[in-house]
Amino acid sequence: MKKAKGGKYSHKVLPVRLTPEAEKELERLCEETQRPKSYFLRKAVEEFLEKEALYRMALERWENRDDRIITAEEMHERLGI
């Protein structure tokens, strides 16, 4: 997630609905770490978006039958490791 100009995050507020169990666990975590809920929710969204982008890229590569699949050994040789 990119920071807004000046190094701060956007002030746009997004409503989030959590299960009672998730809300309780989030509140416990916030108390233990002295961090706000927004910190953990922002981190969770950032991590999800990163993983989703990697998943979509992998899926696209998988579906592209013209893309040659190579072994780990071939990859190591190409990278010189």
PDB file of N, CA and C in Angstrom:
ATOM      1  N   MET A   1       0.856  -1.167   0.000  1.00  0.00           N
ATOM      2  CA  MET A   1       0.000   0.000   0.000  1.00  0.00           C
ATOM      3  C   MET A   1       0.898   1.225   0.000  1.00  0.00           C
ATOM      4  N   LYS A   2       0.618   2.130  -0.880  1.00  0.00           N
ATOM      5  CA  LYS A   2       1.449   3.317  -0.985  1.00  0.00           C
ATOM      6  C   LYS A   2       0.962   4.397  -0.034  1.00  0.00           C
ATOM      7  N   LYS A   3       1.925   5.104   0.478  1.00  0.00           N
ATOM      8  CA  LYS A   3       1.602   6.213   1.367  1.00  0.00           C
ATOM      9  C   LYS A   3       1.242   7.430   0.530  1.00  0.00           C
ATOM     10  N   ALA A   4       0.405   8.261   1.080  1.00  0.00           N
ATOM     11  CA  ALA A   4       0.016   9.501   0.423  1.00  0.00           C
ATOM     12  C   ALA A   4       1.189  10.478   0.475  1.00  0.00           C
ATOM     13  N   LYS A   5       1.076  11.566  -0.250  1.00  0.00           N
ATOM     14  CA  LYS A   5       2.108  12.593  -0.268  1.00  0.00           C
ATOM     15  C   LYS A   5       2.462  13.000   1.158  1.00  0.00           C
ATOM     16  N   GLY A   6       3.728  13.201   1.407  1.00  0.00           N
ATOM     17  CA  GLY A   6       4.154  13.611   2.740  1.00  0.00           C
ATOM     18  C   GLY A   6       4.407  12.430   3.662  1.00  0.00           C
ATOM     19  N   GLY A   7       4.334  11.183   3.140  1.00  0.00           N
ATOM     20  CA  GLY A   7       4.656  10.010   3.936  1.00  0.00           C
ATOM     21  C   GLY A   7       3.542   9.509   4.828  1.00  0.00           C
ATOM     22  N   LYS A   8       2.342  10.074   4.716  1.00  0.00           N
ATOM     23  CA  LYS A   8       1.231   9.641   5.564  1.00  0.00           C
ATOM     24  C   LYS A   8       0.261   8.806   4.742  1.00  0.00           C
ATOM     25  N   TYR A   9      -0.474   7.976   5.440  1.00  0.00           N
ATOM     26  CA  TYR A   9      -1.481   7.168   4.771  1.00  0.00           C
ATOM     27  C   TYR A   9      -2.702   8.017   4.468  1.00  0.00           C
ATOM     28  N   SER A  10      -3.461   7.565   3.493  1.00  0.00           N
ATOM     29  CA  SER A  10      -4.705   8.226   3.138  1.00  0.00           C
ATOM     30  C   SER A  10      -5.626   8.251   4.360  1.00  0.00           C
ATOM     31  N   HIS A  11      -6.454   9.259   4.439  1.00  0.00           N
ATOM     32  CA  HIS A  11      -7.400   9.351   5.554  1.00  0.00           C
ATOM     33  C   HIS A  11      -8.750   8.742   5.207  1.00  0.00           C
ATOM     34  N   LYS A  12      -8.826   8.047   4.074  1.00  0.00           N
ATOM     35  CA  LYS A  12     -10.078   7.419   3.684  1.00  0.00           C
ATOM     36  C   LYS A  12     -10.394   6.292   4.677  1.00  0.00           C
ATOM     37  N   VAL A  13     -11.605   6.296   5.166  1.00  0.00           N
ATOM     38  CA  VAL A  13     -12.040   5.305   6.144  1.00  0.00           C
ATOM     39  C   VAL A  13     -12.921   4.282   5.444  1.00  0.00           C
ATOM     40  N   LEU A  14     -12.610   3.008   5.676  1.00  0.00           N
ATOM     41  CA  LEU A  14     -13.385   1.926   5.090  1.00  0.00           C
ATOM     42  C   LEU A  14     -14.018   1.105   6.208  1.00  0.00           C
ATOM     43  N   PRO A  15     -15.320   0.901   6.149  1.00  0.00           N
ATOM     44  CA  PRO A  15     -15.953   0.080   7.191  1.00  0.00           C
ATOM     45  C   PRO A  15     -15.585  -1.388   7.005  1.00  0.00           C
ATOM     46  N   VAL A  16     -15.360  -2.069   8.114  1.00  0.00           N
ATOM     47  CA  VAL A  16     -15.014  -3.486   8.082  1.00  0.00           C
ATOM     48  C   VAL A  16     -15.880  -4.214   9.089  1.00  0.00           C
ATOM     49  N   ARG A  17     -16.461  -5.319   8.648  1.00  0.00           N
ATOM     50  CA  ARG A  17     -17.258  -6.135   9.566  1.00  0.00           C
ATOM     51  C   ARG A  17     -16.458  -7.362   9.945  1.00  0.00           C
ATOM     52  N   LEU A  18     -16.329  -7.582  11.232  1.00  0.00           N
ATOM     53  CA  LEU A  18     -15.590  -8.720  11.744  1.00  0.00           C
ATOM     54  C   LEU A  18     -16.530  -9.627  12.524  1.00  0.00           C
ATOM     55  N   THR A  19     -16.158 -10.887  12.597  1.00  0.00           N
ATOM     56  CA  THR A  19     -16.903 -11.787  13.474  1.00  0.00           C
ATOM     57  C   THR A  19     -16.607 -11.364  14.911  1.00  0.00           C
ATOM     58  N   PRO A  20     -17.473 -11.684  15.835  1.00  0.00           N
ATOM     59  CA  PRO A  20     -17.195 -11.339  17.237  1.00  0.00           C
ATOM     60  C   PRO A  20     -15.867 -11.923  17.718  1.00  0.00           C
ATOM     61  N   GLU A  21     -15.534 -13.133  17.257  1.00  0.00           N
ATOM     62  CA  GLU A  21     -14.280 -13.765  17.666  1.00  0.00           C
ATOM     63  C   GLU A  21     -13.081 -12.989  17.127  1.00  0.00           C
ATOM     64  N   ALA A  22     -13.141 -12.585  15.858  1.00  0.00           N
ATOM     65  CA  ALA A  22     -12.034 -11.838  15.261  1.00  0.00           C
ATOM     66  C   ALA A  22     -11.879 -10.478  15.935  1.00  0.00           C
ATOM     67  N   GLU A  23     -13.003  -9.835  16.242  1.00  0.00           N
ATOM     68  CA  GLU A  23     -12.942  -8.531  16.902  1.00  0.00           C
ATOM     69  C   GLU A  23     -12.315  -8.657  18.295  1.00  0.00           C
ATOM     70  N   LYS A  24     -12.695  -9.707  19.005  1.00  0.00           N
ATOM     71  CA  LYS A  24     -12.150  -9.928  20.353  1.00  0.00           C
ATOM     72  C   LYS A  24     -10.633 -10.169  20.270  1.00  0.00           C
ATOM     73  N   GLU A  25     -10.212 -10.975  19.318  1.00  0.00           N
ATOM     74  CA  GLU A  25      -8.788 -11.271  19.162  1.00  0.00           C
ATOM     75  C   GLU A  25      -8.020 -10.025  18.745  1.00  0.00           C
ATOM     76  N   LEU A  26      -8.609  -9.217  17.866  1.00  0.00           N
ATOM     77  CA  LEU A  26      -7.971  -7.971  17.444  1.00  0.00           C
ATOM     78  C   LEU A  26      -7.825  -7.023  18.632  1.00  0.00           C
ATOM     79  N   GLU A  27      -8.851  -6.903  19.436  1.00  0.00           N
ATOM     80  CA  GLU A  27      -8.783  -6.038  20.616  1.00  0.00           C
ATOM     81  C   GLU A  27      -7.717  -6.514  21.597  1.00  0.00           C
ATOM     82  N   ARG A  28      -7.616  -7.833  21.786  1.00  0.00           N
ATOM     83  CA  ARG A  28      -6.586  -8.395  22.672  1.00  0.00           C
ATOM     84  C   ARG A  28      -5.197  -8.055  22.137  1.00  0.00           C
ATOM     85  N   LEU A  29      -5.009  -8.227  20.838  1.00  0.00           N
ATOM     86  CA  LEU A  29      -3.728  -7.927  20.211  1.00  0.00           C
ATOM     87  C   LEU A  29      -3.371  -6.452  20.351  1.00  0.00           C
ATOM     88  N   CYS A  30      -4.358  -5.602  20.171  1.00  0.00           N
ATOM     89  CA  CYS A  30      -4.132  -4.157  20.311  1.00  0.00           C
ATOM     90  C   CYS A  30      -3.718  -3.791  21.732  1.00  0.00           C
ATOM     91  N   GLU A  31      -4.361  -4.383  22.700  1.00  0.00           N
ATOM     92  CA  GLU A  31      -4.015  -4.123  24.103  1.00  0.00           C
ATOM     93  C   GLU A  31      -2.595  -4.574  24.403  1.00  0.00           C
ATOM     94  N   GLU A  32      -2.247  -5.775  23.936  1.00  0.00           N
ATOM     95  CA  GLU A  32      -0.922  -6.332  24.212  1.00  0.00           C
ATOM     96  C   GLU A  32       0.197  -5.530  23.557  1.00  0.00           C
ATOM     97  N   THR A  33      -0.053  -5.015  22.373  1.00  0.00           N
ATOM     98  CA  THR A  33       1.000  -4.346  21.607  1.00  0.00           C
ATOM     99  C   THR A  33       0.931  -2.826  21.671  1.00  0.00           C
ATOM    100  N   GLN A  34      -0.160  -2.302  22.229  1.00  0.00           N
ATOM    101  CA  GLN A  34      -0.370  -0.846  22.281  1.00  0.00           C
ATOM    102  C   GLN A  34      -0.381  -0.229  20.881  1.00  0.00           C
ATOM    103  N   ARG A  35      -0.930  -0.969  19.918  1.00  0.00           N
ATOM    104  CA  ARG A  35      -1.085  -0.458  18.552  1.00  0.00           C
ATOM    105  C   ARG A  35      -2.569  -0.341  18.254  1.00  0.00           C
ATOM    106  N   PRO A  36      -2.938   0.582  17.361  1.00  0.00           N
ATOM    107  CA  PRO A  36      -4.353   0.744  17.027  1.00  0.00           C
ATOM    108  C   PRO A  36      -4.851  -0.362  16.078  1.00  0.00           C
ATOM    109  N   LYS A  37      -6.148  -0.553  16.071  1.00  0.00           N
ATOM    110  CA  LYS A  37      -6.754  -1.548  15.180  1.00  0.00           C
ATOM    111  C   LYS A  37      -6.386  -1.271  13.731  1.00  0.00           C
ATOM    112  N   SER A  38      -6.344   0.003  13.374  1.00  0.00           N
ATOM    113  CA  SER A  38      -6.056   0.363  11.984  1.00  0.00           C
ATOM    114  C   SER A  38      -4.694  -0.167  11.539  1.00  0.00           C
ATOM    115  N   TYR A  39      -3.742  -0.230  12.454  1.00  0.00           N
ATOM    116  CA  TYR A  39      -2.409  -0.750  12.114  1.00  0.00           C
ATOM    117  C   TYR A  39      -2.513  -2.195  11.635  1.00  0.00           C
ATOM    118  N   PHE A  40      -3.193  -3.031  12.413  1.00  0.00           N
ATOM    119  CA  PHE A  40      -3.293  -4.448  12.076  1.00  0.00           C
ATOM    120  C   PHE A  40      -4.183  -4.688  10.864  1.00  0.00           C
ATOM    121  N   LEU A  41      -5.251  -3.931  10.752  1.00  0.00           N
ATOM    122  CA  LEU A  41      -6.122  -4.088   9.591  1.00  0.00           C
ATOM    123  C   LEU A  41      -5.397  -3.654   8.315  1.00  0.00           C
ATOM    124  N   ARG A  42      -4.638  -2.570   8.392  1.00  0.00           N
ATOM    125  CA  ARG A  42      -3.875  -2.105   7.230  1.00  0.00           C
ATOM    126  C   ARG A  42      -2.848  -3.160   6.820  1.00  0.00           C
ATOM    127  N   LYS A  43      -2.140  -3.726   7.821  1.00  0.00           N
ATOM    128  CA  LYS A  43      -1.144  -4.759   7.532  1.00  0.00           C
ATOM    129  C   LYS A  43      -1.805  -5.993   6.907  1.00  0.00           C
ATOM    130  N   ALA A  44      -2.959  -6.374   7.409  1.00  0.00           N
ATOM    131  CA  ALA A  44      -3.668  -7.543   6.877  1.00  0.00           C
ATOM    132  C   ALA A  44      -4.074  -7.320   5.417  1.00  0.00           C
ATOM    133  N   VAL A  45      -4.579  -6.137   5.118  1.00  0.00           N
ATOM    134  CA  VAL A  45      -4.990  -5.832   3.741  1.00  0.00           C
ATOM    135  C   VAL A  45      -3.768  -5.803   2.829  1.00  0.00           C
ATOM    136  N   GLU A  46      -2.684  -5.174   3.276  1.00  0.00           N
ATOM    137  CA  GLU A  46      -1.460  -5.117   2.470  1.00  0.00           C
ATOM    138  C   GLU A  46      -0.953  -6.516   2.154  1.00  0.00           C
ATOM    139  N   GLU A  47      -0.915  -7.374   3.160  1.00  0.00           N
ATOM    140  CA  GLU A  47      -0.431  -8.743   2.969  1.00  0.00           C
ATOM    141  C   GLU A  47      -1.345  -9.514   2.013  1.00  0.00           C
ATOM    142  N   PHE A  48      -2.662  -9.358   2.184  1.00  0.00           N
ATOM    143  CA  PHE A  48      -3.602 -10.034   1.304  1.00  0.00           C
ATOM    144  C   PHE A  48      -3.409  -9.592  -0.138  1.00  0.00           C
ATOM    145  N   LEU A  49      -3.297  -8.281  -0.367  1.00  0.00           N
ATOM    146  CA  LEU A  49      -3.147  -7.771  -1.719  1.00  0.00           C
ATOM    147  C   LEU A  49      -1.864  -8.269  -2.372  1.00  0.00           C
ATOM    148  N   GLU A  50      -0.798  -8.348  -1.603  1.00  0.00           N
ATOM    149  CA  GLU A  50       0.465  -8.856  -2.136  1.00  0.00           C
ATOM    150  C   GLU A  50       0.334 -10.327  -2.525  1.00  0.00           C
ATOM    151  N   LYS A  51      -0.245 -11.132  -1.635  1.00  0.00           N
ATOM    152  CA  LYS A  51      -0.429 -12.560  -1.927  1.00  0.00           C
ATOM    153  C   LYS A  51      -1.379 -12.769  -3.099  1.00  0.00           C
ATOM    154  N   GLU A  52      -2.434 -11.980  -3.163  1.00  0.00           N
ATOM    155  CA  GLU A  52      -3.404 -12.096  -4.253  1.00  0.00           C
ATOM    156  C   GLU A  52      -2.747 -11.768  -5.595  1.00  0.00           C
ATOM    157  N   ALA A  53      -1.894 -10.752  -5.621  1.00  0.00           N
ATOM    158  CA  ALA A  53      -1.190 -10.388  -6.855  1.00  0.00           C
ATOM    159  C   ALA A  53      -0.279 -11.529  -7.296  1.00  0.00           C
ATOM    160  N   LEU A  54       0.442 -12.135  -6.354  1.00  0.00           N
ATOM    161  CA  LEU A  54       1.311 -13.269  -6.686  1.00  0.00           C
ATOM    162  C   LEU A  54       0.494 -14.459  -7.170  1.00  0.00           C
ATOM    163  N   TYR A  55      -0.634 -14.713  -6.520  1.00  0.00           N
ATOM    164  CA  TYR A  55      -1.512 -15.812  -6.930  1.00  0.00           C
ATOM    165  C   TYR A  55      -2.013 -15.599  -8.355  1.00  0.00           C
ATOM    166  N   ARG A  56      -2.464 -14.387  -8.643  1.00  0.00           N
ATOM    167  CA  ARG A  56      -2.985 -14.094  -9.979  1.00  0.00           C
ATOM    168  C   ARG A  56      -1.889 -14.205 -11.035  1.00  0.00           C
ATOM    169  N   MET A  57      -0.687 -13.784 -10.692  1.00  0.00           N
ATOM    170  CA  MET A  57       0.426 -13.895 -11.627  1.00  0.00           C
ATOM    171  C   MET A  57       0.733 -15.373 -11.894  1.00  0.00           C
ATOM    172  N   ALA A  58       0.761 -16.173 -10.837  1.00  0.00           N
ATOM    173  CA  ALA A  58       1.031 -17.600 -10.990  1.00  0.00           C
ATOM    174  C   ALA A  58      -0.066 -18.271 -11.808  1.00  0.00           C
ATOM    175  N   LEU A  59      -1.310 -17.910 -11.559  1.00  0.00           N
ATOM    176  CA  LEU A  59      -2.429 -18.480 -12.294  1.00  0.00           C
ATOM    177  C   LEU A  59      -2.343 -18.117 -13.779  1.00  0.00           C
ATOM    178  N   GLU A  60      -2.003 -16.870 -14.048  1.00  0.00           N
ATOM    179  CA  GLU A  60      -1.855 -16.422 -15.435  1.00  0.00           C
ATOM    180  C   GLU A  60      -0.750 -17.210 -16.134  1.00  0.00           C
ATOM    181  N   ARG A  61       0.364 -17.394 -15.438  1.00  0.00           N
ATOM    182  CA  ARG A  61       1.477 -18.165 -16.004  1.00  0.00           C
ATOM    183  C   ARG A  61       1.059 -19.617 -16.228  1.00  0.00           C
ATOM    184  N   TRP A  62       0.299 -20.167 -15.295  1.00  0.00           N
ATOM    185  CA  TRP A  62      -0.147 -21.558 -15.402  1.00  0.00           C
ATOM    186  C   TRP A  62      -1.073 -21.738 -16.603  1.00  0.00           C
ATOM    187  N   GLU A  63      -1.942 -20.762 -16.803  1.00  0.00           N
ATOM    188  CA  GLU A  63      -2.915 -20.850 -17.893  1.00  0.00           C
ATOM    189  C   GLU A  63      -2.310 -20.568 -19.262  1.00  0.00           C
ATOM    190  N   ASN A  64      -1.131 -19.952 -19.292  1.00  0.00           N
ATOM    191  CA  ASN A  64      -0.453 -19.648 -20.551  1.00  0.00           C
ATOM    192  C   ASN A  64       0.303 -20.892 -21.001  1.00  0.00           C
ATOM    193  N   ARG A  65      -0.303 -21.675 -21.873  1.00  0.00           N
ATOM    194  CA  ARG A  65       0.284 -22.946 -22.317  1.00  0.00           C
ATOM    195  C   ARG A  65       1.517 -22.745 -23.200  1.00  0.00           C
ATOM    196  N   ASP A  66       1.750 -21.539 -23.694  1.00  0.00           N
ATOM    197  CA  ASP A  66       2.934 -21.257 -24.505  1.00  0.00           C
ATOM    198  C   ASP A  66       4.160 -20.981 -23.646  1.00  0.00           C
ATOM    199  N   ASP A  67       3.953 -20.791 -22.363  1.00  0.00           N
ATOM    200  CA  ASP A  67       5.040 -20.493 -21.435  1.00  0.00           C
ATOM    201  C   ASP A  67       5.701 -21.809 -21.029  1.00  0.00           C
ATOM    202  N   ARG A  68       6.968 -21.951 -21.318  1.00  0.00           N
ATOM    203  CA  ARG A  68       7.694 -23.184 -21.023  1.00  0.00           C
ATOM    204  C   ARG A  68       7.958 -23.308 -19.522  1.00  0.00           C
ATOM    205  N   ILE A  69       7.642 -24.463 -18.973  1.00  0.00           N
ATOM    206  CA  ILE A  69       7.900 -24.745 -17.568  1.00  0.00           C
ATOM    207  C   ILE A  69       9.268 -25.396 -17.465  1.00  0.00           C
ATOM    208  N   ILE A  70      10.087 -24.914 -16.533  1.00  0.00           N
ATOM    209  CA  ILE A  70      11.418 -25.478 -16.363  1.00  0.00           C
ATOM    210  C   ILE A  70      11.554 -26.062 -14.963  1.00  0.00           C
ATOM    211  N   THR A  71      12.521 -26.942 -14.821  1.00  0.00           N
ATOM    212  CA  THR A  71      12.756 -27.577 -13.516  1.00  0.00           C
ATOM    213  C   THR A  71      13.526 -26.625 -12.609  1.00  0.00           C
ATOM    214  N   ALA A  72      13.557 -26.959 -11.331  1.00  0.00           N
ATOM    215  CA  ALA A  72      14.322 -26.163 -10.370  1.00  0.00           C
ATOM    216  C   ALA A  72      15.803 -26.203 -10.738  1.00  0.00           C
ATOM    217  N   GLU A  73      16.271 -27.349 -11.213  1.00  0.00           N
ATOM    218  CA  GLU A  73      17.675 -27.475 -11.613  1.00  0.00           C
ATOM    219  C   GLU A  73      17.992 -26.523 -12.770  1.00  0.00           C
ATOM    220  N   GLU A  74      17.100 -26.458 -13.759  1.00  0.00           N
ATOM    221  CA  GLU A  74      17.309 -25.531 -14.872  1.00  0.00           C
ATOM    222  C   GLU A  74      17.317 -24.082 -14.379  1.00  0.00           C
ATOM    223  N   MET A  75      16.437 -23.761 -13.432  1.00  0.00           N
ATOM    224  CA  MET A  75      16.385 -22.408 -12.899  1.00  0.00           C
ATOM    225  C   MET A  75      17.686 -22.065 -12.181  1.00  0.00           C
ATOM    226  N   HIS A  76      18.203 -23.009 -11.407  1.00  0.00           N
ATOM    227  CA  HIS A  76      19.471 -22.783 -10.714  1.00  0.00           C
ATOM    228  C   HIS A  76      20.599 -22.549 -11.711  1.00  0.00           C
ATOM    229  N   GLU A  77      20.609 -23.323 -12.777  1.00  0.00           N
ATOM    230  CA  GLU A  77      21.647 -23.149 -13.812  1.00  0.00           C
ATOM    231  C   GLU A  77      21.535 -21.760 -14.440  1.00  0.00           C
ATOM    232  N   ARG A  78      20.333 -21.339 -14.763  1.00  0.00           N
ATOM    233  CA  ARG A  78      20.131 -20.030 -15.384  1.00  0.00           C
ATOM    234  C   ARG A  78      20.549 -18.897 -14.449  1.00  0.00           C
ATOM    235  N   LEU A  79      20.299 -19.086 -13.154  1.00  0.00           N
ATOM    236  CA  LEU A  79      20.637 -18.047 -12.180  1.00  0.00           C
ATOM    237  C   LEU A  79      22.079 -18.163 -11.690  1.00  0.00           C
ATOM    238  N   GLY A  80      22.745 -19.264 -12.053  1.00  0.00           N
ATOM    239  CA  GLY A  80      24.122 -19.452 -11.631  1.00  0.00           C
ATOM    240  C   GLY A  80      24.275 -19.732 -10.154  1.00  0.00           C
ATOM    241  N   ILE A  81      23.306 -20.455  -9.603  1.00  0.00           N
ATOM    242  CA  ILE A  81      23.382 -20.791  -8.165  1.00  0.00           C
ATOM    243  C   ILE A  81      23.401 -22.282  -7.972  1.00  0.00           C
TER     244      ILE A  81
END
